[in-house]
Amino acid sequence: IRHWELDHGQPTQRSIEQRRTAEYITPLPKP
């Protein structure tokens, strides 16, 4: 029912009150 918000793959410390949608996330900058 909720998930941690990510901004460009990095956590913002904010939780969102809904299920996270399936999506492609790149947590690290490209080399």
PDB file of all heavy atoms in Angstrom:
ATOM      1  N   ILE A   1       0.814  -1.220   0.000  1.00  0.00           N
ATOM      2  CA  ILE A   1       0.000   0.000   0.000  1.00  0.00           C
ATOM      3  C   ILE A   1       0.847   1.269   0.000  1.00  0.00           C
ATOM      4  O   ILE A   1       0.307   2.371  -0.079  1.00  0.00           O
ATOM      5  CB  ILE A   1      -0.962   0.026   1.201  1.00  0.00           C
ATOM      6  CG1 ILE A   1      -0.167  -0.062   2.514  1.00  0.00           C
ATOM      7  CG2 ILE A   1      -1.989  -1.093   1.111  1.00  0.00           C
ATOM      8  CD1 ILE A   1      -1.030   0.132   3.756  1.00  0.00           C
ATOM      9  N   ARG A   2       2.167   1.149   0.098  1.00  0.00           N
ATOM     10  CA  ARG A   2       3.023   2.336   0.039  1.00  0.00           C
ATOM     11  C   ARG A   2       4.436   1.926  -0.354  1.00  0.00           C
ATOM     12  O   ARG A   2       4.792   0.751  -0.321  1.00  0.00           O
ATOM     13  CB  ARG A   2       3.028   3.088   1.365  1.00  0.00           C
ATOM     14  CG  ARG A   2       3.391   2.253   2.578  1.00  0.00           C
ATOM     15  CD  ARG A   2       3.352   3.072   3.839  1.00  0.00           C
ATOM     16  NE  ARG A   2       3.618   2.270   5.027  1.00  0.00           N
ATOM     17  CZ  ARG A   2       4.003   2.758   6.193  1.00  0.00           C
ATOM     18  NH1 ARG A   2       4.184   4.063   6.318  1.00  0.00           N
ATOM     19  NH2 ARG A   2       4.209   1.972   7.220  1.00  0.00           N
ATOM     20  N   HIS A   3       5.240   2.911  -0.730  1.00  0.00           N
ATOM     21  CA  HIS A   3       6.613   2.615  -1.143  1.00  0.00           C
ATOM     22  C   HIS A   3       7.488   3.846  -0.919  1.00  0.00           C
ATOM     23  O   HIS A   3       7.000   4.969  -0.763  1.00  0.00           O
ATOM     24  CB  HIS A   3       6.656   2.208  -2.616  1.00  0.00           C
ATOM     25  CG  HIS A   3       6.277   3.321  -3.566  1.00  0.00           C
ATOM     26  ND1 HIS A   3       4.975   3.598  -3.917  1.00  0.00           N
ATOM     27  CD2 HIS A   3       7.040   4.236  -4.239  1.00  0.00           C
ATOM     28  CE1 HIS A   3       4.934   4.611  -4.766  1.00  0.00           C
ATOM     29  NE2 HIS A   3       6.177   5.028  -4.972  1.00  0.00           N
ATOM     30  N   TRP A   4       8.792   3.597  -0.876  1.00  0.00           N
ATOM     31  CA  TRP A   4       9.747   4.696  -0.731  1.00  0.00           C
ATOM     32  C   TRP A   4       9.905   5.411  -2.075  1.00  0.00           C
ATOM     33  O   TRP A   4      10.102   4.782  -3.107  1.00  0.00           O
ATOM     34  CB  TRP A   4      11.104   4.184  -0.272  1.00  0.00           C
ATOM     35  CG  TRP A   4      11.162   3.756   1.156  1.00  0.00           C
ATOM     36  CD1 TRP A   4      11.349   2.503   1.638  1.00  0.00           C
ATOM     37  CD2 TRP A   4      11.051   4.603   2.311  1.00  0.00           C
ATOM     38  NE1 TRP A   4      11.346   2.479   3.002  1.00  0.00           N
ATOM     39  CE2 TRP A   4      11.174   3.762   3.459  1.00  0.00           C
ATOM     40  CE3 TRP A   4      10.862   5.966   2.502  1.00  0.00           C
ATOM     41  CZ2 TRP A   4      11.108   4.262   4.752  1.00  0.00           C
ATOM     42  CZ3 TRP A   4      10.801   6.462   3.801  1.00  0.00           C
ATOM     43  CH2 TRP A   4      10.922   5.619   4.900  1.00  0.00           C
ATOM     44  N   GLU A   5       9.827   6.723  -2.038  1.00  0.00           N
ATOM     45  CA  GLU A   5      10.008   7.525  -3.244  1.00  0.00           C
ATOM     46  C   GLU A   5      11.482   7.541  -3.645  1.00  0.00           C
ATOM     47  O   GLU A   5      12.376   7.637  -2.802  1.00  0.00           O
ATOM     48  CB  GLU A   5       9.524   8.949  -3.005  1.00  0.00           C
ATOM     49  CG  GLU A   5       9.629   9.840  -4.230  1.00  0.00           C
ATOM     50  CD  GLU A   5       9.247  11.275  -3.916  1.00  0.00           C
ATOM     51  OE1 GLU A   5       9.787  11.849  -2.942  1.00  0.00           O
ATOM     52  OE2 GLU A   5       8.393  11.827  -4.642  1.00  0.00           O
ATOM     53  N   LEU A   6      11.719   7.429  -4.933  1.00  0.00           N
ATOM     54  CA  LEU A   6      13.078   7.499  -5.474  1.00  0.00           C
ATOM     55  C   LEU A   6      13.167   8.644  -6.473  1.00  0.00           C
ATOM     56  O   LEU A   6      12.250   8.864  -7.277  1.00  0.00           O
ATOM     57  CB  LEU A   6      13.457   6.180  -6.173  1.00  0.00           C
ATOM     58  CG  LEU A   6      13.450   4.918  -5.300  1.00  0.00           C
ATOM     59  CD1 LEU A   6      13.768   3.695  -6.154  1.00  0.00           C
ATOM     60  CD2 LEU A   6      14.457   5.036  -4.155  1.00  0.00           C
ATOM     61  N   ASP A   7      14.255   9.378  -6.431  1.00  0.00           N
ATOM     62  CA  ASP A   7      14.509  10.455  -7.381  1.00  0.00           C
ATOM     63  C   ASP A   7      15.784  10.109  -8.142  1.00  0.00           C
ATOM     64  O   ASP A   7      16.875  10.126  -7.580  1.00  0.00           O
ATOM     65  CB  ASP A   7      14.653  11.786  -6.643  1.00  0.00           C
ATOM     66  CG  ASP A   7      14.870  12.946  -7.600  1.00  0.00           C
ATOM     67  OD1 ASP A   7      14.592  12.788  -8.816  1.00  0.00           O
ATOM     68  OD2 ASP A   7      15.330  14.015  -7.152  1.00  0.00           O
ATOM     69  N   HIS A   8      15.634   9.749  -9.409  1.00  0.00           N
ATOM     70  CA  HIS A   8      16.764   9.285 -10.212  1.00  0.00           C
ATOM     71  C   HIS A   8      17.460   8.098  -9.533  1.00  0.00           C
ATOM     72  O   HIS A   8      18.688   8.004  -9.510  1.00  0.00           O
ATOM     73  CB  HIS A   8      17.766  10.416 -10.477  1.00  0.00           C
ATOM     74  CG  HIS A   8      17.203  11.513 -11.348  1.00  0.00           C
ATOM     75  ND1 HIS A   8      16.563  12.615 -10.815  1.00  0.00           N
ATOM     76  CD2 HIS A   8      17.174  11.657 -12.684  1.00  0.00           C
ATOM     77  CE1 HIS A   8      16.172  13.409 -11.809  1.00  0.00           C
ATOM     78  NE2 HIS A   8      16.527  12.851 -12.958  1.00  0.00           N
ATOM     79  N   GLY A   9      16.630   7.233  -8.937  1.00  0.00           N
ATOM     80  CA  GLY A   9      17.166   6.031  -8.329  1.00  0.00           C
ATOM     81  C   GLY A   9      17.660   6.200  -6.907  1.00  0.00           C
ATOM     82  O   GLY A   9      18.076   5.235  -6.278  1.00  0.00           O
ATOM     83  N   GLN A  10      17.603   7.415  -6.370  1.00  0.00           N
ATOM     84  CA  GLN A  10      18.091   7.672  -5.015  1.00  0.00           C
ATOM     85  C   GLN A  10      16.918   7.959  -4.079  1.00  0.00           C
ATOM     86  O   GLN A  10      15.978   8.673  -4.451  1.00  0.00           O
ATOM     87  CB  GLN A  10      19.062   8.856  -5.008  1.00  0.00           C
ATOM     88  CG  GLN A  10      20.282   8.658  -5.888  1.00  0.00           C
ATOM     89  CD  GLN A  10      21.094   7.440  -5.465  1.00  0.00           C
ATOM     90  OE1 GLN A  10      21.271   7.166  -4.275  1.00  0.00           O
ATOM     91  NE2 GLN A  10      21.609   6.701  -6.438  1.00  0.00           N
ATOM     92  N   PRO A  11      16.919   7.408  -2.851  1.00  0.00           N
ATOM     93  CA  PRO A  11      15.804   7.615  -1.922  1.00  0.00           C
ATOM     94  C   PRO A  11      15.695   9.055  -1.456  1.00  0.00           C
ATOM     95  O   PRO A  11      16.699   9.714  -1.193  1.00  0.00           O
ATOM     96  CB  PRO A  11      16.143   6.684  -0.756  1.00  0.00           C
ATOM     97  CG  PRO A  11      17.622   6.485  -0.834  1.00  0.00           C
ATOM     98  CD  PRO A  11      17.971   6.525  -2.280  1.00  0.00           C
ATOM     99  N   THR A  12      14.455   9.535  -1.356  1.00  0.00           N
ATOM    100  CA  THR A  12      14.208  10.901  -0.893  1.00  0.00           C
ATOM    101  C   THR A  12      13.789  10.932   0.580  1.00  0.00           C
ATOM    102  O   THR A  12      13.527  12.020   1.108  1.00  0.00           O
ATOM    103  CB  THR A  12      13.088  11.549  -1.718  1.00  0.00           C
ATOM    104  OG1 THR A  12      11.858  10.830  -1.487  1.00  0.00           O
ATOM    105  CG2 THR A  12      13.432  11.524  -3.205  1.00  0.00           C
ATOM    106  N   GLN A  13      13.708   9.753   1.236  1.00  0.00           N
ATOM    107  CA  GLN A  13      13.246   9.613   2.620  1.00  0.00           C
ATOM    108  C   GLN A  13      11.749   9.887   2.760  1.00  0.00           C
ATOM    109  O   GLN A  13      11.245  10.062   3.870  1.00  0.00           O
ATOM    110  CB  GLN A  13      14.028  10.526   3.569  1.00  0.00           C
ATOM    111  CG  GLN A  13      15.531  10.408   3.460  1.00  0.00           C
ATOM    112  CD  GLN A  13      16.017   8.991   3.741  1.00  0.00           C
ATOM    113  OE1 GLN A  13      15.494   8.300   4.592  1.00  0.00           O
ATOM    114  NE2 GLN A  13      17.024   8.554   2.996  1.00  0.00           N
ATOM    115  N   ARG A  14      11.029   9.916   1.656  1.00  0.00           N
ATOM    116  CA  ARG A  14       9.588  10.169   1.682  1.00  0.00           C
ATOM    117  C   ARG A  14       8.852   8.931   1.192  1.00  0.00           C
ATOM    118  O   ARG A  14       9.227   8.336   0.188  1.00  0.00           O
ATOM    119  CB  ARG A  14       9.264  11.355   0.784  1.00  0.00           C
ATOM    120  CG  ARG A  14       7.777  11.683   0.647  1.00  0.00           C
ATOM    121  CD  ARG A  14       7.582  12.996  -0.082  1.00  0.00           C
ATOM    122  NE  ARG A  14       6.172  13.247  -0.375  1.00  0.00           N
ATOM    123  CZ  ARG A  14       5.623  13.060  -1.556  1.00  0.00           C
ATOM    124  NH1 ARG A  14       6.367  12.635  -2.581  1.00  0.00           N
ATOM    125  NH2 ARG A  14       4.339  13.300  -1.754  1.00  0.00           N
ATOM    126  N   SER A  15       7.817   8.520   1.927  1.00  0.00           N
ATOM    127  CA  SER A  15       7.028   7.368   1.520  1.00  0.00           C
ATOM    128  C   SER A  15       5.768   7.827   0.798  1.00  0.00           C
ATOM    129  O   SER A  15       5.150   8.828   1.172  1.00  0.00           O
ATOM    130  CB  SER A  15       6.652   6.505   2.725  1.00  0.00           C
ATOM    131  OG  SER A  15       5.817   7.213   3.617  1.00  0.00           O
ATOM    132  N   ILE A  16       5.405   7.087  -0.238  1.00  0.00           N
ATOM    133  CA  ILE A  16       4.223   7.385  -1.040  1.00  0.00           C
ATOM    134  C   ILE A  16       3.143   6.368  -0.699  1.00  0.00           C
ATOM    135  O   ILE A  16       3.402   5.166  -0.675  1.00  0.00           O
ATOM    136  CB  ILE A  16       4.551   7.324  -2.549  1.00  0.00           C
ATOM    137  CG1 ILE A  16       5.746   8.232  -2.876  1.00  0.00           C
ATOM    138  CG2 ILE A  16       3.332   7.715  -3.379  1.00  0.00           C
ATOM    139  CD1 ILE A  16       5.507   9.685  -2.601  1.00  0.00           C
ATOM    140  N   GLU A  17       1.923   6.852  -0.439  1.00  0.00           N
ATOM    141  CA  GLU A  17       0.835   5.976  -0.007  1.00  0.00           C
ATOM    142  C   GLU A  17       0.152   5.306  -1.197  1.00  0.00           C
ATOM    143  O   GLU A  17      -1.028   5.508  -1.468  1.00  0.00           O
ATOM    144  CB  GLU A  17      -0.176   6.783   0.817  1.00  0.00           C
ATOM    145  CG  GLU A  17       0.384   7.360   2.098  1.00  0.00           C
ATOM    146  CD  GLU A  17       0.914   6.271   3.034  1.00  0.00           C
ATOM    147  OE1 GLU A  17       0.222   5.262   3.218  1.00  0.00           O
ATOM    148  OE2 GLU A  17       2.027   6.451   3.569  1.00  0.00           O
ATOM    149  N   GLN A  18       0.905   4.501  -1.914  1.00  0.00           N
ATOM    150  CA  GLN A  18       0.345   3.674  -2.979  1.00  0.00           C
ATOM    151  C   GLN A  18       1.395   2.652  -3.386  1.00  0.00           C
ATOM    152  O   GLN A  18       2.564   2.771  -3.028  1.00  0.00           O
ATOM    153  CB  GLN A  18      -0.055   4.515  -4.190  1.00  0.00           C
ATOM    154  CG  GLN A  18       1.127   5.176  -4.896  1.00  0.00           C
ATOM    155  CD  GLN A  18       0.702   6.034  -6.067  1.00  0.00           C
ATOM    156  OE1 GLN A  18      -0.266   6.790  -5.970  1.00  0.00           O
ATOM    157  NE2 GLN A  18       1.402   5.925  -7.175  1.00  0.00           N
ATOM    158  N   ARG A  19       0.982   1.646  -4.130  1.00  0.00           N
ATOM    159  CA  ARG A  19       1.912   0.625  -4.568  1.00  0.00           C
ATOM    160  C   ARG A  19       2.822   1.180  -5.658  1.00  0.00           C
ATOM    161  O   ARG A  19       2.384   1.946  -6.519  1.00  0.00           O
ATOM    162  CB  ARG A  19       1.133  -0.575  -5.111  1.00  0.00           C
ATOM    163  CG  ARG A  19       2.005  -1.729  -5.542  1.00  0.00           C
ATOM    164  CD  ARG A  19       1.154  -2.914  -5.958  1.00  0.00           C
ATOM    165  NE  ARG A  19       1.974  -4.094  -6.159  1.00  0.00           N
ATOM    166  CZ  ARG A  19       1.482  -5.315  -6.336  1.00  0.00           C
ATOM    167  NH1 ARG A  19       0.162  -5.495  -6.377  1.00  0.00           N
ATOM    168  NH2 ARG A  19       2.283  -6.346  -6.484  1.00  0.00           N
ATOM    169  N   ARG A  20       4.085   0.801  -5.622  1.00  0.00           N
ATOM    170  CA  ARG A  20       5.016   1.253  -6.648  1.00  0.00           C
ATOM    171  C   ARG A  20       4.700   0.559  -7.969  1.00  0.00           C
ATOM    172  O   ARG A  20       4.465  -0.656  -8.015  1.00  0.00           O
ATOM    173  CB  ARG A  20       6.457   0.933  -6.246  1.00  0.00           C
ATOM    174  CG  ARG A  20       7.500   1.515  -7.216  1.00  0.00           C
ATOM    175  CD  ARG A  20       8.880   0.959  -6.940  1.00  0.00           C
ATOM    176  NE  ARG A  20       9.327   1.209  -5.581  1.00  0.00           N
ATOM    177  CZ  ARG A  20       9.841   2.353  -5.167  1.00  0.00           C
ATOM    178  NH1 ARG A  20       9.973   3.359  -6.018  1.00  0.00           N
ATOM    179  NH2 ARG A  20      10.234   2.493  -3.909  1.00  0.00           N
ATOM    180  N   THR A  21       4.688   1.319  -9.036  1.00  0.00           N
ATOM    181  CA  THR A  21       4.497   0.704 -10.345  1.00  0.00           C
ATOM    182  C   THR A  21       5.792   0.043 -10.800  1.00  0.00           C
ATOM    183  O   THR A  21       6.888   0.440 -10.385  1.00  0.00           O
ATOM    184  CB  THR A  21       4.070   1.744 -11.388  1.00  0.00           C
ATOM    185  OG1 THR A  21       5.078   2.776 -11.463  1.00  0.00           O
ATOM    186  CG2 THR A  21       2.740   2.376 -11.016  1.00  0.00           C
ATOM    187  N   ALA A  22       5.666  -0.976 -11.616  1.00  0.00           N
ATOM    188  CA  ALA A  22       6.849  -1.626 -12.170  1.00  0.00           C
ATOM    189  C   ALA A  22       7.480  -0.697 -13.199  1.00  0.00           C
ATOM    190  O   ALA A  22       6.824  -0.241 -14.126  1.00  0.00           O
ATOM    191  CB  ALA A  22       6.467  -2.952 -12.815  1.00  0.00           C
ATOM    192  N   GLU A  23       8.747  -0.385 -13.012  1.00  0.00           N
ATOM    193  CA  GLU A  23       9.445   0.513 -13.934  1.00  0.00           C
ATOM    194  C   GLU A  23      10.944   0.270 -13.840  1.00  0.00           C
ATOM    195  O   GLU A  23      11.433  -0.330 -12.889  1.00  0.00           O
ATOM    196  CB  GLU A  23       9.134   1.975 -13.603  1.00  0.00           C
ATOM    197  CG  GLU A  23       9.515   2.374 -12.182  1.00  0.00           C
ATOM    198  CD  GLU A  23       9.132   3.799 -11.852  1.00  0.00           C
ATOM    199  OE1 GLU A  23       9.239   4.649 -12.756  1.00  0.00           O
ATOM    200  OE2 GLU A  23       8.740   4.065 -10.711  1.00  0.00           O
ATOM    201  N   TYR A  24      11.645   0.737 -14.844  1.00  0.00           N
ATOM    202  CA  TYR A  24      13.100   0.577 -14.894  1.00  0.00           C
ATOM    203  C   TYR A  24      13.747   1.693 -14.093  1.00  0.00           C
ATOM    204  O   TYR A  24      13.467   2.873 -14.306  1.00  0.00           O
ATOM    205  CB  TYR A  24      13.572   0.614 -16.353  1.00  0.00           C
ATOM    206  CG  TYR A  24      15.034   0.293 -16.528  1.00  0.00           C
ATOM    207  CD1 TYR A  24      15.457  -1.021 -16.678  1.00  0.00           C
ATOM    208  CD2 TYR A  24      15.996   1.301 -16.567  1.00  0.00           C
ATOM    209  CE1 TYR A  24      16.794  -1.330 -16.861  1.00  0.00           C
ATOM    210  CE2 TYR A  24      17.336   1.006 -16.737  1.00  0.00           C
ATOM    211  CZ  TYR A  24      17.726  -0.321 -16.886  1.00  0.00           C
ATOM    212  OH  TYR A  24      19.060  -0.623 -17.066  1.00  0.00           O
ATOM    213  N   ILE A  25      14.593   1.328 -13.134  1.00  0.00           N
ATOM    214  CA  ILE A  25      15.258   2.312 -12.278  1.00  0.00           C
ATOM    215  C   ILE A  25      16.764   2.117 -12.367  1.00  0.00           C
ATOM    216  O   ILE A  25      17.265   0.997 -12.219  1.00  0.00           O
ATOM    217  CB  ILE A  25      14.805   2.171 -10.813  1.00  0.00           C
ATOM    218  CG1 ILE A  25      13.306   2.455 -10.694  1.00  0.00           C
ATOM    219  CG2 ILE A  25      15.576   3.114  -9.906  1.00  0.00           C
ATOM    220  CD1 ILE A  25      12.748   2.214  -9.313  1.00  0.00           C
ATOM    221  N   THR A  26      17.492   3.190 -12.616  1.00  0.00           N
ATOM    222  CA  THR A  26      18.949   3.148 -12.640  1.00  0.00           C
ATOM    223  C   THR A  26      19.464   3.888 -11.408  1.00  0.00           C
ATOM    224  O   THR A  26      19.471   5.122 -11.370  1.00  0.00           O
ATOM    225  CB  THR A  26      19.504   3.814 -13.916  1.00  0.00           C
ATOM    226  OG1 THR A  26      18.912   3.197 -15.055  1.00  0.00           O
ATOM    227  CG2 THR A  26      21.014   3.642 -13.996  1.00  0.00           C
ATOM    228  N   PRO A  27      19.871   3.171 -10.355  1.00  0.00           N
ATOM    229  CA  PRO A  27      20.248   3.837  -9.106  1.00  0.00           C
ATOM    230  C   PRO A  27      21.607   4.510  -9.134  1.00  0.00           C
ATOM    231  O   PRO A  27      21.907   5.327  -8.293  1.00  0.00           O
ATOM    232  CB  PRO A  27      20.246   2.684  -8.100  1.00  0.00           C
ATOM    233  CG  PRO A  27      20.562   1.481  -8.923  1.00  0.00           C
ATOM    234  CD  PRO A  27      19.930   1.716 -10.261  1.00  0.00           C
ATOM    235  N   LEU A  28      22.443   4.183 -10.080  1.00  0.00           N
ATOM    236  CA  LEU A  28      23.783   4.747 -10.147  1.00  0.00           C
ATOM    237  C   LEU A  28      23.966   5.499 -11.461  1.00  0.00           C
ATOM    238  O   LEU A  28      23.389   5.128 -12.485  1.00  0.00           O
ATOM    239  CB  LEU A  28      24.843   3.636 -10.054  1.00  0.00           C
ATOM    240  CG  LEU A  28      24.846   2.826  -8.750  1.00  0.00           C
ATOM    241  CD1 LEU A  28      25.859   1.697  -8.843  1.00  0.00           C
ATOM    242  CD2 LEU A  28      25.153   3.720  -7.556  1.00  0.00           C
ATOM    243  N   PRO A  29      24.772   6.570 -11.442  1.00  0.00           N
ATOM    244  CA  PRO A  29      25.009   7.300 -12.700  1.00  0.00           C
ATOM    245  C   PRO A  29      25.740   6.427 -13.703  1.00  0.00           C
ATOM    246  O   PRO A  29      26.505   5.537 -13.341  1.00  0.00           O
ATOM    247  CB  PRO A  29      25.876   8.482 -12.243  1.00  0.00           C
ATOM    248  CG  PRO A  29      26.513   8.023 -10.982  1.00  0.00           C
ATOM    249  CD  PRO A  29      25.509   7.139 -10.309  1.00  0.00           C
ATOM    250  N   LYS A  30      25.474   6.692 -14.960  1.00  0.00           N
ATOM    251  CA  LYS A  30      26.124   5.915 -16.003  1.00  0.00           C
ATOM    252  C   LYS A  30      27.629   6.200 -16.006  1.00  0.00           C
ATOM    253  O   LYS A  30      28.059   7.329 -15.754  1.00  0.00           O
ATOM    254  CB  LYS A  30      25.532   6.268 -17.369  1.00  0.00           C
ATOM    255  CG  LYS A  30      24.055   5.888 -17.506  1.00  0.00           C
ATOM    256  CD  LYS A  30      23.532   6.245 -18.878  1.00  0.00           C
ATOM    257  CE  LYS A  30      22.075   5.857 -19.016  1.00  0.00           C
ATOM    258  NZ  LYS A  30      21.544   6.202 -20.358  1.00  0.00           N
ATOM    259  N   PRO A  31      28.451   5.205 -16.272  1.00  0.00           N
ATOM    260  CA  PRO A  31      29.900   5.431 -16.291  1.00  0.00           C
ATOM    261  C   PRO A  31      30.298   6.357 -17.432  1.00  0.00           C
ATOM    262  O   PRO A  31      29.632   6.434 -18.454  1.00  0.00           O
ATOM    263  CB  PRO A  31      30.465   4.019 -16.492  1.00  0.00           C
ATOM    264  CG  PRO A  31      29.360   3.260 -17.137  1.00  0.00           C
ATOM    265  CD  PRO A  31      28.085   3.820 -16.587  1.00  0.00           C
TER     266      PRO A  31
END
